[in-house]
Amino acid sequence: MSETNLIDEFDVIDEAIETLESDQQNNRKSLDQLLSKASILCARLLTLYASAYDKTLPDNEDLLVLFKAFVKGDTSLTAVRDNVRELVYYRNCILEDRHDALPKQPEKMTVHTIRHIYLYLRSRADQEGLLD
């Protein structure tokens, strides 16, 4: 992937996260909707970063499967592990009807979590010279 395309893709994802942030602040989306969009964006971020190194991730919607392939060969990428797990945990709470196990403001935390993943991978790509 060319540097311009990588920057453009990060910018598109940033805009999508900004929309999620606005939706969450204005109560326009349910937790389930926010989480679905955040999970899709997470998968896109992992795939985008991996593609910069010509690493192909499996075509799978399961974030844990993607994450396992994402970190293979570079354990320093586990820095996003807890954030990915947090999104998976929220999804599992919803699926198991365990809303009592969610944090106090799960909508806000969902949006913050995807923002954290974005910021980490974008800054790492920049530090590695992928965005020069």
N, C-alpha and C. Protein backbone atom coordinates (compact mmCIF):
# COMPACT_ATOMS: atom_id res chain seq x y z
N MET A 1 0.85 -1.18 0.00
CA MET A 1 0.00 0.00 0.00
C MET A 1 0.89 1.23 0.00
N SER A 2 0.55 2.21 -0.83
CA SER A 2 1.37 3.42 -0.89
C SER A 2 1.12 4.27 0.35
N GLU A 3 2.10 5.15 0.64
CA GLU A 3 1.99 6.02 1.81
C GLU A 3 0.74 6.89 1.75
N THR A 4 0.45 7.44 0.56
CA THR A 4 -0.71 8.30 0.42
C THR A 4 -1.99 7.53 0.74
N ASN A 5 -2.10 6.32 0.22
CA ASN A 5 -3.29 5.52 0.49
C ASN A 5 -3.41 5.19 1.96
N LEU A 6 -2.29 4.93 2.62
CA LEU A 6 -2.30 4.62 4.05
C LEU A 6 -2.79 5.83 4.84
N ILE A 7 -2.25 6.99 4.52
CA ILE A 7 -2.69 8.22 5.19
C ILE A 7 -4.18 8.46 4.93
N ASP A 8 -4.58 8.31 3.69
CA ASP A 8 -5.99 8.52 3.33
C ASP A 8 -6.90 7.57 4.09
N GLU A 9 -6.49 6.31 4.18
CA GLU A 9 -7.30 5.32 4.91
C GLU A 9 -7.40 5.65 6.39
N PHE A 10 -6.28 6.06 6.99
CA PHE A 10 -6.32 6.48 8.39
C PHE A 10 -7.26 7.67 8.56
N ASP A 11 -7.23 8.61 7.61
CA ASP A 11 -8.10 9.78 7.68
C ASP A 11 -9.58 9.40 7.58
N VAL A 12 -9.89 8.45 6.71
CA VAL A 12 -11.28 7.99 6.56
C VAL A 12 -11.75 7.34 7.87
N ILE A 13 -10.89 6.54 8.48
CA ILE A 13 -11.24 5.89 9.74
C ILE A 13 -11.40 6.93 10.84
N ASP A 14 -10.52 7.93 10.85
CA ASP A 14 -10.61 9.01 11.83
C ASP A 14 -11.97 9.72 11.72
N GLU A 15 -12.40 10.01 10.52
CA GLU A 15 -13.69 10.65 10.30
C GLU A 15 -14.84 9.77 10.79
N ALA A 16 -14.73 8.48 10.55
CA ALA A 16 -15.77 7.55 11.02
C ALA A 16 -15.81 7.52 12.55
N ILE A 17 -14.66 7.59 13.18
CA ILE A 17 -14.62 7.61 14.64
C ILE A 17 -15.20 8.92 15.15
N GLU A 18 -14.92 10.03 14.48
CA GLU A 18 -15.52 11.31 14.85
C GLU A 18 -17.04 11.25 14.79
N THR A 19 -17.56 10.58 13.79
CA THR A 19 -19.01 10.40 13.68
C THR A 19 -19.53 9.58 14.84
N LEU A 20 -18.82 8.51 15.20
CA LEU A 20 -19.22 7.70 16.36
C LEU A 20 -19.21 8.54 17.63
N GLU A 21 -18.18 9.36 17.78
CA GLU A 21 -18.09 10.22 18.96
C GLU A 21 -19.28 11.17 19.04
N SER A 22 -19.65 11.75 17.91
CA SER A 22 -20.80 12.64 17.86
C SER A 22 -22.09 11.88 18.16
N ASP A 23 -22.24 10.70 17.56
CA ASP A 23 -23.43 9.88 17.80
C ASP A 23 -23.55 9.53 19.28
N GLN A 24 -22.44 9.19 19.90
CA GLN A 24 -22.46 8.82 21.31
C GLN A 24 -22.80 10.03 22.17
N GLN A 25 -22.19 11.16 21.90
CA GLN A 25 -22.44 12.36 22.71
C GLN A 25 -23.88 12.84 22.59
N ASN A 26 -24.48 12.61 21.44
CA ASN A 26 -25.86 13.06 21.20
C ASN A 26 -26.88 11.95 21.35
N ASN A 27 -26.44 10.81 21.89
CA ASN A 27 -27.33 9.67 22.13
C ASN A 27 -28.10 9.24 20.89
N ARG A 28 -27.44 9.27 19.74
CA ARG A 28 -28.12 8.89 18.49
C ARG A 28 -28.03 7.41 18.19
N LYS A 29 -27.12 6.70 18.86
CA LYS A 29 -26.94 5.27 18.60
C LYS A 29 -26.98 4.50 19.92
N SER A 30 -27.50 3.30 19.83
CA SER A 30 -27.50 2.42 21.00
C SER A 30 -26.10 1.84 21.20
N LEU A 31 -25.88 1.23 22.34
CA LEU A 31 -24.60 0.58 22.60
C LEU A 31 -24.33 -0.47 21.54
N ASP A 32 -25.33 -1.25 21.20
CA ASP A 32 -25.15 -2.30 20.20
C ASP A 32 -24.71 -1.71 18.86
N GLN A 33 -25.33 -0.61 18.45
CA GLN A 33 -24.96 0.03 17.19
C GLN A 33 -23.54 0.61 17.24
N LEU A 34 -23.22 1.28 18.35
CA LEU A 34 -21.88 1.84 18.51
C LEU A 34 -20.82 0.74 18.50
N LEU A 35 -21.12 -0.32 19.20
CA LEU A 35 -20.18 -1.44 19.30
C LEU A 35 -19.98 -2.12 17.96
N SER A 36 -21.04 -2.29 17.21
CA SER A 36 -20.92 -2.90 15.87
C SER A 36 -20.01 -2.05 14.97
N LYS A 37 -20.24 -0.76 14.98
CA LYS A 37 -19.42 0.14 14.15
C LYS A 37 -17.98 0.19 14.65
N ALA A 38 -17.79 0.24 15.97
CA ALA A 38 -16.44 0.26 16.53
C ALA A 38 -15.69 -1.03 16.19
N SER A 39 -16.36 -2.15 16.21
CA SER A 39 -15.73 -3.43 15.89
C SER A 39 -15.31 -3.49 14.43
N ILE A 40 -16.14 -2.98 13.56
CA ILE A 40 -15.81 -2.91 12.14
C ILE A 40 -14.59 -2.02 11.93
N LEU A 41 -14.57 -0.87 12.60
CA LEU A 41 -13.44 0.04 12.49
C LEU A 41 -12.16 -0.57 13.05
N CYS A 42 -12.30 -1.32 14.13
CA CYS A 42 -11.15 -2.00 14.71
C CYS A 42 -10.56 -2.99 13.71
N ALA A 43 -11.41 -3.78 13.10
CA ALA A 43 -10.95 -4.75 12.09
C ALA A 43 -10.26 -4.02 10.94
N ARG A 44 -10.82 -2.90 10.51
CA ARG A 44 -10.21 -2.12 9.42
C ARG A 44 -8.85 -1.59 9.83
N LEU A 45 -8.73 -1.12 11.07
CA LEU A 45 -7.44 -0.61 11.54
C LEU A 45 -6.38 -1.69 11.59
N LEU A 46 -6.74 -2.85 12.12
CA LEU A 46 -5.78 -3.95 12.18
C LEU A 46 -5.35 -4.36 10.77
N THR A 47 -6.31 -4.47 9.88
CA THR A 47 -6.04 -4.87 8.50
C THR A 47 -5.20 -3.82 7.78
N LEU A 48 -5.53 -2.55 7.99
CA LEU A 48 -4.79 -1.46 7.36
C LEU A 48 -3.33 -1.45 7.80
N TYR A 49 -3.11 -1.53 9.08
CA TYR A 49 -1.74 -1.51 9.59
C TYR A 49 -0.97 -2.73 9.09
N ALA A 50 -1.59 -3.88 9.14
CA ALA A 50 -0.92 -5.10 8.67
C ALA A 50 -0.59 -5.00 7.18
N SER A 51 -1.48 -4.39 6.41
CA SER A 51 -1.25 -4.30 4.96
C SER A 51 -0.03 -3.45 4.63
N ALA A 52 0.32 -2.52 5.51
CA ALA A 52 1.50 -1.69 5.28
C ALA A 52 2.77 -2.54 5.30
N TYR A 53 2.68 -3.70 5.90
CA TYR A 53 3.81 -4.64 5.95
C TYR A 53 3.54 -5.87 5.09
N ASP A 54 2.61 -5.74 4.16
CA ASP A 54 2.24 -6.83 3.26
C ASP A 54 1.84 -8.10 4.02
N LYS A 55 1.26 -7.90 5.17
CA LYS A 55 0.79 -9.02 5.99
C LYS A 55 -0.72 -9.13 5.79
N THR A 56 -1.16 -10.31 5.38
CA THR A 56 -2.58 -10.53 5.13
C THR A 56 -3.22 -11.15 6.36
N LEU A 57 -4.33 -10.56 6.78
CA LEU A 57 -5.08 -11.10 7.90
C LEU A 57 -6.23 -11.94 7.37
N PRO A 58 -6.70 -12.90 8.16
CA PRO A 58 -7.81 -13.73 7.69
C PRO A 58 -9.07 -12.90 7.47
N ASP A 59 -9.87 -13.32 6.54
CA ASP A 59 -11.15 -12.67 6.27
C ASP A 59 -12.14 -13.21 7.30
N ASN A 60 -12.17 -12.56 8.46
CA ASN A 60 -12.94 -13.06 9.58
C ASN A 60 -13.44 -11.88 10.39
N GLU A 61 -14.68 -11.91 10.83
CA GLU A 61 -15.26 -10.83 11.62
C GLU A 61 -14.92 -10.93 13.10
N ASP A 62 -14.39 -12.06 13.53
CA ASP A 62 -14.05 -12.26 14.94
C ASP A 62 -12.78 -11.47 15.26
N LEU A 63 -12.91 -10.45 16.12
CA LEU A 63 -11.77 -9.60 16.43
C LEU A 63 -10.62 -10.37 17.07
N LEU A 64 -10.93 -11.38 17.85
CA LEU A 64 -9.86 -12.15 18.48
C LEU A 64 -9.07 -12.95 17.46
N VAL A 65 -9.74 -13.48 16.45
CA VAL A 65 -9.05 -14.20 15.38
C VAL A 65 -8.15 -13.23 14.60
N LEU A 66 -8.69 -12.07 14.29
CA LEU A 66 -7.89 -11.06 13.58
C LEU A 66 -6.70 -10.61 14.42
N PHE A 67 -6.94 -10.38 15.70
CA PHE A 67 -5.88 -9.91 16.56
C PHE A 67 -4.75 -10.93 16.68
N LYS A 68 -5.12 -12.21 16.79
CA LYS A 68 -4.11 -13.27 16.89
C LYS A 68 -3.21 -13.26 15.66
N ALA A 69 -3.80 -13.13 14.49
CA ALA A 69 -3.01 -13.07 13.26
C ALA A 69 -2.23 -11.76 13.17
N PHE A 70 -2.82 -10.69 13.68
CA PHE A 70 -2.21 -9.37 13.65
C PHE A 70 -0.89 -9.34 14.41
N VAL A 71 -0.84 -9.92 15.59
CA VAL A 71 0.36 -9.85 16.43
C VAL A 71 1.39 -10.93 16.10
N LYS A 72 1.00 -11.93 15.34
CA LYS A 72 1.92 -13.03 15.03
C LYS A 72 3.19 -12.48 14.37
N GLY A 73 4.30 -12.77 14.99
CA GLY A 73 5.58 -12.34 14.46
C GLY A 73 6.07 -11.01 15.00
N ASP A 74 5.22 -10.28 15.72
CA ASP A 74 5.63 -8.99 16.29
C ASP A 74 4.88 -8.76 17.59
N THR A 75 5.45 -9.24 18.66
CA THR A 75 4.76 -9.17 19.95
C THR A 75 4.60 -7.74 20.45
N SER A 76 5.33 -6.78 19.90
CA SER A 76 5.15 -5.40 20.33
C SER A 76 3.76 -4.87 19.96
N LEU A 77 3.10 -5.54 19.05
CA LEU A 77 1.75 -5.12 18.66
C LEU A 77 0.69 -5.51 19.69
N THR A 78 1.07 -6.26 20.70
CA THR A 78 0.10 -6.63 21.73
C THR A 78 -0.33 -5.43 22.56
N ALA A 79 0.26 -4.28 22.32
CA ALA A 79 -0.13 -3.06 23.04
C ALA A 79 -1.61 -2.73 22.86
N VAL A 80 -2.22 -3.17 21.78
CA VAL A 80 -3.64 -2.90 21.56
C VAL A 80 -4.52 -4.04 22.07
N ARG A 81 -3.91 -5.07 22.61
CA ARG A 81 -4.63 -6.27 23.05
C ARG A 81 -5.79 -5.95 24.00
N ASP A 82 -5.52 -5.21 25.06
CA ASP A 82 -6.57 -4.94 26.04
C ASP A 82 -7.73 -4.15 25.45
N ASN A 83 -7.42 -3.27 24.51
CA ASN A 83 -8.48 -2.51 23.86
C ASN A 83 -9.36 -3.40 22.98
N VAL A 84 -8.73 -4.30 22.25
CA VAL A 84 -9.49 -5.25 21.42
C VAL A 84 -10.34 -6.13 22.33
N ARG A 85 -9.74 -6.62 23.38
CA ARG A 85 -10.48 -7.48 24.32
C ARG A 85 -11.66 -6.74 24.96
N GLU A 86 -11.48 -5.46 25.20
CA GLU A 86 -12.58 -4.68 25.79
C GLU A 86 -13.79 -4.66 24.85
N LEU A 87 -13.56 -4.45 23.57
CA LEU A 87 -14.67 -4.46 22.61
C LEU A 87 -15.34 -5.84 22.56
N VAL A 88 -14.53 -6.89 22.60
CA VAL A 88 -15.06 -8.25 22.59
C VAL A 88 -15.86 -8.51 23.87
N TYR A 89 -15.35 -8.05 24.99
CA TYR A 89 -16.05 -8.22 26.27
C TYR A 89 -17.41 -7.54 26.24
N TYR A 90 -17.48 -6.32 25.74
CA TYR A 90 -18.77 -5.61 25.66
C TYR A 90 -19.75 -6.38 24.78
N ARG A 91 -19.25 -6.88 23.65
CA ARG A 91 -20.12 -7.66 22.74
C ARG A 91 -20.63 -8.89 23.45
N ASN A 92 -19.76 -9.59 24.17
CA ASN A 92 -20.18 -10.79 24.90
C ASN A 92 -21.21 -10.47 25.97
N CYS A 93 -21.05 -9.36 26.66
CA CYS A 93 -22.03 -8.94 27.67
C CYS A 93 -23.41 -8.73 27.04
N ILE A 94 -23.43 -8.11 25.88
CA ILE A 94 -24.70 -7.89 25.19
C ILE A 94 -25.31 -9.21 24.75
N LEU A 95 -24.49 -10.07 24.15
CA LEU A 95 -24.99 -11.36 23.67
C LEU A 95 -25.53 -12.24 24.80
N GLU A 96 -24.91 -12.14 25.96
CA GLU A 96 -25.31 -12.95 27.11
C GLU A 96 -26.33 -12.23 28.00
N ASP A 97 -26.82 -11.08 27.53
CA ASP A 97 -27.78 -10.27 28.29
C ASP A 97 -27.26 -9.98 29.70
N ARG A 98 -26.00 -9.59 29.77
CA ARG A 98 -25.35 -9.27 31.03
C ARG A 98 -24.99 -7.79 31.08
N HIS A 99 -25.98 -6.96 30.90
CA HIS A 99 -25.75 -5.51 30.91
C HIS A 99 -25.23 -5.05 32.27
N ASP A 100 -25.51 -5.83 33.30
CA ASP A 100 -25.02 -5.50 34.65
C ASP A 100 -23.50 -5.62 34.74
N ALA A 101 -22.88 -6.35 33.84
CA ALA A 101 -21.43 -6.55 33.86
C ALA A 101 -20.67 -5.49 33.06
N LEU A 102 -21.41 -4.62 32.39
CA LEU A 102 -20.79 -3.56 31.61
C LEU A 102 -20.31 -2.42 32.52
N PRO A 103 -19.37 -1.62 32.04
CA PRO A 103 -18.93 -0.46 32.83
C PRO A 103 -20.07 0.56 32.95
N LYS A 104 -19.85 1.56 33.75
CA LYS A 104 -20.87 2.56 34.04
C LYS A 104 -21.41 3.26 32.78
N GLN A 105 -20.52 3.63 31.88
CA GLN A 105 -20.91 4.31 30.65
C GLN A 105 -20.35 3.54 29.45
N PRO A 106 -20.94 2.41 29.11
CA PRO A 106 -20.35 1.57 28.06
C PRO A 106 -20.31 2.22 26.68
N GLU A 107 -21.28 3.07 26.38
CA GLU A 107 -21.27 3.75 25.07
C GLU A 107 -20.04 4.64 24.96
N LYS A 108 -19.80 5.41 26.01
CA LYS A 108 -18.65 6.31 26.03
C LYS A 108 -17.34 5.51 25.99
N MET A 109 -17.28 4.42 26.74
CA MET A 109 -16.08 3.60 26.77
C MET A 109 -15.81 2.92 25.43
N THR A 110 -16.87 2.53 24.74
CA THR A 110 -16.72 1.91 23.42
C THR A 110 -16.05 2.87 22.45
N VAL A 111 -16.53 4.10 22.44
CA VAL A 111 -15.98 5.11 21.53
C VAL A 111 -14.55 5.48 21.94
N HIS A 112 -14.29 5.60 23.23
CA HIS A 112 -12.93 5.88 23.69
C HIS A 112 -11.98 4.75 23.30
N THR A 113 -12.45 3.53 23.39
CA THR A 113 -11.61 2.37 23.09
C THR A 113 -11.19 2.35 21.63
N ILE A 114 -12.12 2.58 20.72
CA ILE A 114 -11.75 2.58 19.30
C ILE A 114 -10.83 3.76 18.99
N ARG A 115 -11.04 4.87 19.68
CA ARG A 115 -10.15 6.02 19.49
C ARG A 115 -8.73 5.67 19.96
N HIS A 116 -8.61 4.96 21.07
CA HIS A 116 -7.29 4.55 21.58
C HIS A 116 -6.57 3.66 20.57
N ILE A 117 -7.29 2.71 20.01
CA ILE A 117 -6.68 1.80 19.02
C ILE A 117 -6.21 2.61 17.81
N TYR A 118 -7.06 3.51 17.34
CA TYR A 118 -6.71 4.35 16.19
C TYR A 118 -5.44 5.17 16.49
N LEU A 119 -5.43 5.86 17.62
CA LEU A 119 -4.30 6.72 17.96
C LEU A 119 -3.00 5.92 18.08
N TYR A 120 -3.08 4.75 18.69
CA TYR A 120 -1.87 3.93 18.84
C TYR A 120 -1.34 3.52 17.47
N LEU A 121 -2.20 2.97 16.62
CA LEU A 121 -1.73 2.47 15.33
C LEU A 121 -1.32 3.59 14.39
N ARG A 122 -2.03 4.70 14.43
CA ARG A 122 -1.66 5.85 13.58
C ARG A 122 -0.32 6.42 14.03
N SER A 123 -0.13 6.61 15.33
CA SER A 123 1.14 7.17 15.80
C SER A 123 2.29 6.19 15.56
N ARG A 124 2.02 4.92 15.71
CA ARG A 124 3.06 3.92 15.46
C ARG A 124 3.45 3.92 13.98
N ALA A 125 2.46 3.99 13.10
CA ALA A 125 2.74 4.05 11.66
C ALA A 125 3.56 5.29 11.33
N ASP A 126 3.24 6.39 11.98
CA ASP A 126 3.98 7.63 11.76
C ASP A 126 5.42 7.48 12.26
N GLN A 127 5.60 6.92 13.45
CA GLN A 127 6.95 6.74 14.01
C GLN A 127 7.79 5.78 13.17
N GLU A 128 7.15 4.83 12.54
CA GLU A 128 7.86 3.86 11.71
C GLU A 128 8.11 4.37 10.30
N GLY A 129 7.72 5.61 10.04
CA GLY A 129 7.96 6.20 8.73
C GLY A 129 7.01 5.76 7.65
N LEU A 130 5.91 5.15 8.03
CA LEU A 130 4.95 4.67 7.04
C LEU A 130 4.09 5.81 6.48
N LEU A 131 4.09 6.95 7.14
CA LEU A 131 3.24 8.06 6.72
C LEU A 131 4.05 9.23 6.17
N ASP A 132 5.37 9.05 6.02
CA ASP A 132 6.24 10.13 5.51
C ASP A 132 6.01 10.37 4.05
